[in-house]
Amino acid sequence: MRRVLSTLIGVLALLTATVGSPVASYAAEELPVNYNFLGGAVAGGMQLNSHAPGTNDWACKPTKRHPRPVVLVHGTLGNRSTNWQAYGPLLKNHGYCVFALTYGVTAKIPGVDLFGGLGDIRGSAEELAGFVDKVLRRTGAKKVDIIGHSQGTYMPQYWVKFLGGRKLVRNYISLAPLWKGTKATDLLTAAAGIFGAEGSLPVCTSCPQMGSSSAFLKRLRKGGLAIKGIRYTNIMSRYDELVIPWHSGREPGMKNIVLQDVCRTDYTEHFEIAADPVGAHLALNRLDPKHPVKVPCPVVLPFTGPVGPLN
């Protein structure tokens, strides 16, 4: 298994090497931000059990300007490192305490937690609850801000609604959200029925739970999604190939942003949205609206990010 993983990572690295530099330059004291999702995922995956730059500094104390730690929640098949090579350093550079977990690991390889988000979403939400408790305890903060990608936009809501998270979150920012599920997993939902019940699909228990007609989604949506006191932001792309339809993440009572309405030359899709500089700067402004930053509008390619410098 280790040999297969190493070979896969090597092939991805070779493919990524053909793409121009994805890393934004900063002053010497700041961390470089990798806006190339594919390149960042390869870099994070090659260092097994690593942390994304800027994340999981357990000595970090929130400041008066940024009193809440930011918790990053990866998507299906991601982990705390591969998913956040852009957001980890970017948030750290802007003065946030940033934390990221790996959840939902089902393929147990000794010493390796490479692919997360595969387990039952209810169990993953319990993992998130424990992680947030640790973050609050270590930082002394009263609440956190959540930034999630794909399944990481969906799973935390279970924690919020059913596991006591509603009083612990101020901002809930979703990248490629699927509040109405996705038809991409409906076939998997049907396949799960062959095995007896939803959630019993081998390898990826969470996948059928994200289907547009799943029992899990019906329970999650019952009584409404938006929780009073939580500021929800949904950031979507018209080119999302996995959230079908792409506007499944648009939800009443939440701030809904379509990337192409902000920057017409942003061609990011489901994966690159977790590293997209347009979306990342929009997220910064939602976290701290009193100190807005300029939102760039470069040409952003699918998977590999911006072409040339940000403008």
Protein backbone atom coordinates (compact mmCIF):
# COMPACT_ATOMS: atom_id res chain seq x y z
CA MET A 1 0.00 0.00 0.00
CA ARG A 2 2.82 2.41 0.85
CA ARG A 3 4.45 1.68 -2.53
CA VAL A 4 1.19 2.40 -4.36
CA LEU A 5 0.73 5.70 -2.51
CA SER A 6 4.32 6.73 -3.21
CA THR A 7 3.93 5.97 -6.90
CA LEU A 8 0.67 7.92 -7.13
CA ILE A 9 2.18 10.93 -5.38
CA GLY A 10 5.21 10.78 -7.67
CA VAL A 11 3.04 10.81 -10.80
CA LEU A 12 1.04 13.76 -9.49
CA ALA A 13 4.24 15.60 -8.67
CA LEU A 14 5.50 15.08 -12.23
CA LEU A 15 2.24 16.40 -13.68
CA THR A 16 2.25 19.38 -11.35
CA ALA A 17 5.80 20.28 -12.31
CA THR A 18 4.58 21.30 -15.75
CA VAL A 19 2.51 24.12 -14.24
CA GLY A 20 3.86 27.60 -13.53
CA SER A 21 4.74 28.68 -10.02
CA PRO A 22 1.61 28.81 -7.83
CA VAL A 23 3.21 30.41 -4.80
CA ALA A 24 2.57 34.03 -3.91
CA SER A 25 5.66 35.92 -2.70
CA TYR A 26 5.67 37.63 0.69
CA ALA A 27 8.01 39.48 2.97
CA ALA A 28 10.60 37.27 4.64
CA GLU A 29 8.65 37.01 7.90
CA GLU A 30 5.47 35.79 6.16
CA LEU A 31 4.66 32.30 5.00
CA PRO A 32 4.37 31.61 1.26
CA VAL A 33 0.80 30.90 0.12
CA ASN A 34 0.30 28.15 -2.45
CA TYR A 35 -2.72 29.00 -4.60
CA ASN A 36 -2.22 25.90 -6.75
CA PHE A 37 -4.51 23.27 -5.23
CA LEU A 38 -3.03 20.31 -7.12
CA GLY A 39 0.52 21.36 -6.36
CA GLY A 40 -0.34 22.01 -2.74
CA ALA A 41 -2.10 18.67 -2.33
CA VAL A 42 0.94 16.86 -3.74
CA ALA A 43 3.29 18.82 -1.48
CA GLY A 44 1.15 18.09 1.57
CA GLY A 45 0.74 14.43 0.67
CA MET A 46 4.46 13.81 0.21
CA GLN A 47 5.05 14.70 3.86
CA LEU A 48 2.92 12.11 5.61
CA ASN A 49 1.11 13.26 8.75
CA SER A 50 2.30 16.82 8.22
CA HIS A 51 0.42 20.04 8.99
CA ALA A 52 -0.35 22.77 6.46
CA PRO A 53 1.95 25.79 6.95
CA GLY A 54 0.63 28.13 9.61
CA THR A 55 -1.70 25.60 11.22
CA ASN A 56 -1.87 23.77 14.56
CA ASP A 57 0.40 26.00 16.60
CA TRP A 58 -1.03 25.06 19.98
CA ALA A 59 0.80 27.92 21.67
CA CYS A 60 -1.05 30.50 19.53
CA LYS A 61 -3.26 32.95 21.44
CA PRO A 62 -6.02 34.88 19.66
CA THR A 63 -5.66 38.66 19.52
CA LYS A 64 -8.17 41.39 20.22
CA ARG A 65 -8.54 41.98 16.48
CA HIS A 66 -8.98 38.25 15.74
CA PRO A 67 -10.41 36.80 18.95
CA ARG A 68 -11.63 33.52 17.44
CA PRO A 69 -9.43 30.68 16.18
CA VAL A 70 -10.21 29.47 12.66
CA VAL A 71 -10.82 25.74 12.24
CA LEU A 72 -10.28 24.35 8.73
CA VAL A 73 -12.38 21.31 7.76
CA HIS A 74 -11.21 19.42 4.67
CA GLY A 75 -13.25 17.61 2.03
CA THR A 76 -13.62 13.96 1.03
CA LEU A 77 -10.23 12.29 0.49
CA GLY A 78 -8.46 15.35 1.90
CA ASN A 79 -6.60 15.83 5.15
CA ARG A 80 -5.33 18.60 7.42
CA SER A 81 -2.33 19.22 5.17
CA THR A 82 -3.29 18.47 1.56
CA ASN A 83 -6.44 20.60 1.63
CA TRP A 84 -5.06 23.78 3.21
CA GLN A 85 -1.74 24.78 1.67
CA ALA A 86 -3.30 28.15 0.75
CA TYR A 87 -5.65 28.92 3.63
CA GLY A 88 -3.29 27.85 6.43
CA PRO A 89 -0.48 30.29 5.65
CA LEU A 90 -2.79 33.04 4.35
CA LEU A 91 -4.78 33.16 7.58
CA LYS A 92 -1.65 32.93 9.70
CA ASN A 93 -0.12 35.84 7.78
CA HIS A 94 -3.22 37.88 8.62
CA GLY A 95 -2.87 37.25 12.32
CA TYR A 96 -5.24 34.34 12.96
CA CYS A 97 -4.69 31.27 15.08
CA VAL A 98 -5.41 28.48 12.59
CA PHE A 99 -6.15 24.83 13.28
CA ALA A 100 -6.94 21.91 10.99
CA LEU A 101 -7.90 18.31 11.69
CA THR A 102 -8.03 15.10 9.70
CA TYR A 103 -11.31 13.28 10.24
CA GLY A 104 -13.18 10.26 8.89
CA VAL A 105 -10.16 8.05 8.17
CA THR A 106 -11.32 4.48 7.46
CA ALA A 107 -8.36 2.90 5.66
CA LYS A 108 -6.02 2.49 8.60
CA ILE A 109 -2.41 2.39 7.47
CA PRO A 110 0.06 2.44 10.37
CA GLY A 111 1.51 5.92 10.72
CA VAL A 112 -0.49 7.33 7.79
CA ASP A 113 -3.69 9.40 7.74
CA LEU A 114 -3.56 10.41 4.10
CA PHE A 115 -7.22 10.11 3.02
CA GLY A 116 -9.88 11.51 5.32
CA GLY A 117 -13.59 12.22 5.00
CA LEU A 118 -14.53 8.63 4.17
CA GLY A 119 -16.23 7.60 7.42
CA ASP A 120 -19.81 8.06 8.57
CA ILE A 121 -20.47 11.80 8.77
CA ARG A 122 -22.02 11.43 12.21
CA GLY A 123 -18.79 9.99 13.56
CA SER A 124 -16.76 12.67 11.78
CA ALA A 125 -18.90 15.34 13.45
CA GLU A 126 -18.02 13.83 16.82
CA GLU A 127 -14.34 14.04 15.87
CA LEU A 128 -14.83 17.70 14.97
CA ALA A 129 -16.57 18.34 18.29
CA GLY A 130 -13.61 16.91 20.20
CA PHE A 131 -11.13 18.89 18.11
CA VAL A 132 -12.97 22.19 18.60
CA ASP A 133 -13.15 21.53 22.35
CA LYS A 134 -9.37 21.13 22.36
CA VAL A 135 -8.87 24.33 20.33
CA LEU A 136 -11.06 26.34 22.70
CA ARG A 137 -9.41 24.86 25.76
CA ARG A 138 -5.87 25.53 24.54
CA THR A 139 -6.51 29.02 23.17
CA GLY A 140 -8.92 30.25 25.84
CA ALA A 141 -11.38 31.42 23.16
CA LYS A 142 -15.15 31.18 23.58
CA LYS A 143 -16.02 30.50 19.93
CA VAL A 144 -14.38 29.49 16.66
CA ASP A 145 -14.83 30.38 13.02
CA ILE A 146 -15.23 27.45 10.63
CA ILE A 147 -13.97 27.32 7.04
CA GLY A 148 -14.90 24.11 5.26
CA HIS A 149 -14.45 22.68 1.78
CA SER A 150 -16.89 20.27 0.10
CA GLN A 151 -17.86 17.67 2.74
CA GLY A 152 -16.24 20.06 5.21
CA THR A 153 -19.08 22.51 4.51
CA TYR A 154 -21.70 19.84 5.23
CA MET A 155 -20.41 17.71 8.09
CA PRO A 156 -19.92 20.58 10.60
CA GLN A 157 -23.62 21.43 10.36
CA TYR A 158 -24.41 18.08 11.97
CA TRP A 159 -22.16 19.08 14.88
CA VAL A 160 -23.83 22.50 15.00
CA LYS A 161 -27.41 21.16 15.00
CA PHE A 162 -27.14 17.94 16.96
CA LEU A 163 -23.91 17.86 18.97
CA GLY A 164 -23.86 21.23 20.72
CA GLY A 165 -21.83 23.24 18.22
CA ARG A 166 -24.39 26.01 17.71
CA LYS A 167 -23.10 28.06 20.65
CA LEU A 168 -19.46 27.65 19.65
CA VAL A 169 -19.43 29.11 16.11
CA ARG A 170 -19.57 32.72 14.87
CA ASN A 171 -18.58 32.52 11.18
CA TYR A 172 -19.29 29.42 9.09
CA ILE A 173 -17.68 29.82 5.66
CA SER A 174 -18.32 27.14 3.06
CA LEU A 175 -16.25 26.56 -0.09
CA ALA A 176 -18.20 24.52 -2.67
CA PRO A 177 -21.11 23.84 -0.27
CA LEU A 178 -23.76 21.20 -0.94
CA TRP A 179 -26.65 22.18 1.28
CA LYS A 180 -29.09 20.40 -1.04
CA GLY A 181 -26.77 17.46 -1.59
CA THR A 182 -25.23 16.53 -4.91
CA LYS A 183 -26.57 14.35 -7.70
CA ALA A 184 -23.00 13.16 -8.25
CA THR A 185 -23.44 10.80 -5.31
CA ASP A 186 -26.99 9.72 -6.03
CA LEU A 187 -25.72 6.66 -7.91
CA LEU A 188 -23.65 5.81 -4.86
CA THR A 189 -26.74 6.22 -2.72
CA ALA A 190 -28.52 3.69 -4.93
CA ALA A 191 -25.51 1.38 -4.73
CA ALA A 192 -25.57 1.65 -0.94
CA GLY A 193 -29.08 0.19 -0.98
CA ILE A 194 -27.66 -3.01 -2.45
CA PHE A 195 -25.64 -3.42 0.74
CA GLY A 196 -28.70 -3.02 2.93
CA ALA A 197 -28.82 0.57 4.13
CA GLU A 198 -27.55 4.06 3.54
CA GLY A 199 -24.07 4.54 4.87
CA SER A 200 -22.95 0.95 4.29
CA LEU A 201 -21.15 1.56 1.01
CA PRO A 202 -17.64 0.09 1.28
CA VAL A 203 -14.67 2.46 1.34
CA CYS A 204 -16.72 5.69 1.47
CA THR A 205 -19.57 5.62 3.97
CA SER A 206 -19.93 9.42 3.76
CA CYS A 207 -20.47 9.49 -0.02
CA PRO A 208 -24.11 8.30 -0.15
CA GLN A 209 -24.88 10.52 2.86
CA MET A 210 -24.21 13.51 0.60
CA GLY A 211 -26.73 12.42 -2.04
CA SER A 212 -29.54 14.83 -2.89
CA SER A 213 -32.18 12.39 -1.66
CA SER A 214 -30.34 10.82 1.27
CA ALA A 215 -32.00 10.24 4.64
CA PHE A 216 -29.02 12.00 6.23
CA LEU A 217 -29.68 15.17 4.22
CA LYS A 218 -33.38 15.11 5.06
CA ARG A 219 -32.57 15.00 8.75
CA LEU A 220 -29.95 17.73 8.41
CA ARG A 221 -32.39 20.06 6.62
CA LYS A 222 -35.41 19.36 8.83
CA GLY A 223 -36.43 22.57 10.58
CA GLY A 224 -34.06 24.68 8.44
CA LEU A 225 -30.31 25.03 8.23
CA ALA A 226 -29.34 28.56 9.28
CA ILE A 227 -28.85 28.77 13.04
CA LYS A 228 -29.45 32.10 14.77
CA GLY A 229 -26.19 33.71 15.87
CA ILE A 230 -24.05 32.01 13.22
CA ARG A 231 -22.98 34.03 10.19
CA TYR A 232 -23.03 31.68 7.20
CA THR A 233 -21.20 32.40 3.94
CA ASN A 234 -21.38 30.17 0.86
CA ILE A 235 -18.74 30.58 -1.86
CA MET A 236 -19.62 28.71 -5.07
CA SER A 237 -18.28 28.24 -8.60
CA ARG A 238 -20.35 27.79 -11.73
CA TYR A 239 -17.68 25.34 -12.91
CA ASP A 240 -18.05 22.93 -9.98
CA GLU A 241 -17.95 19.43 -11.42
CA LEU A 242 -18.82 17.49 -8.24
CA VAL A 243 -21.55 19.58 -6.62
CA ILE A 244 -24.39 19.00 -9.09
CA PRO A 245 -26.12 21.30 -9.65
CA TRP A 246 -23.42 23.81 -8.76
CA HIS A 247 -25.93 26.07 -6.99
CA SER A 248 -26.83 23.32 -4.51
CA GLY A 249 -24.91 25.40 -1.99
CA ARG A 250 -27.17 28.44 -2.32
CA GLU A 251 -29.32 28.70 0.78
CA PRO A 252 -31.82 31.26 2.15
CA GLY A 253 -30.72 32.99 5.34
CA MET A 254 -27.06 32.77 4.32
CA LYS A 255 -24.69 35.02 2.37
CA ASN A 256 -24.35 33.44 -1.09
CA ILE A 257 -21.40 34.39 -3.31
CA VAL A 258 -20.73 33.09 -6.82
CA LEU A 259 -17.06 33.51 -7.70
CA GLN A 260 -17.73 34.38 -11.33
CA ASP A 261 -20.00 37.25 -10.23
CA VAL A 262 -16.94 38.73 -8.50
CA CYS A 263 -14.27 37.81 -11.07
CA ARG A 264 -15.24 36.69 -14.58
CA THR A 265 -11.77 35.25 -15.27
CA ASP A 266 -11.94 32.84 -12.33
CA TYR A 267 -12.38 29.34 -13.79
CA THR A 268 -11.86 27.49 -10.53
CA GLU A 269 -13.78 24.24 -10.04
CA HIS A 270 -14.51 21.96 -7.10
CA PHE A 271 -10.89 21.35 -6.06
CA GLU A 272 -9.15 24.63 -6.85
CA ILE A 273 -11.83 26.52 -4.90
CA ALA A 274 -9.99 25.44 -1.73
CA ALA A 275 -6.93 27.40 -2.90
CA ASP A 276 -8.51 30.05 -5.11
CA PRO A 277 -7.16 33.55 -4.28
CA VAL A 278 -10.47 35.22 -5.15
CA GLY A 279 -12.44 33.05 -2.74
CA ALA A 280 -9.72 33.21 -0.10
CA HIS A 281 -9.76 37.02 0.00
CA LEU A 282 -13.56 37.02 0.06
CA ALA A 283 -13.31 34.72 3.07
CA LEU A 284 -10.87 37.10 4.78
CA ASN A 285 -13.40 39.90 4.38
CA ARG A 286 -16.19 37.80 5.81
CA LEU A 287 -14.06 36.93 8.83
CA ASP A 288 -13.08 40.56 9.42
CA PRO A 289 -15.45 42.95 7.61
CA LYS A 290 -14.12 45.94 9.57
CA HIS A 291 -10.70 45.59 7.91
CA PRO A 292 -11.40 44.60 4.29
CA VAL A 293 -8.63 43.53 1.94
CA LYS A 294 -8.56 43.94 -1.82
CA VAL A 295 -10.04 40.95 -3.65
CA PRO A 296 -7.80 40.09 -6.64
CA CYS A 297 -9.13 39.08 -10.05
CA PRO A 298 -6.46 37.16 -11.99
CA VAL A 299 -7.04 34.42 -14.52
CA VAL A 300 -7.54 31.34 -12.34
CA LEU A 301 -7.25 27.94 -14.02
CA PRO A 302 -8.97 24.75 -12.84
CA PHE A 303 -6.89 22.68 -10.40
CA THR A 304 -3.71 24.75 -10.76
CA GLY A 305 -4.67 28.28 -9.80
CA PRO A 306 -3.76 31.78 -10.96
CA VAL A 307 -1.72 32.57 -14.03
CA GLY A 308 0.89 35.20 -13.22
CA PRO A 309 0.80 37.58 -10.23
CA LEU A 310 -2.38 38.53 -8.42
CA ASN A 311 -3.84 41.89 -9.43
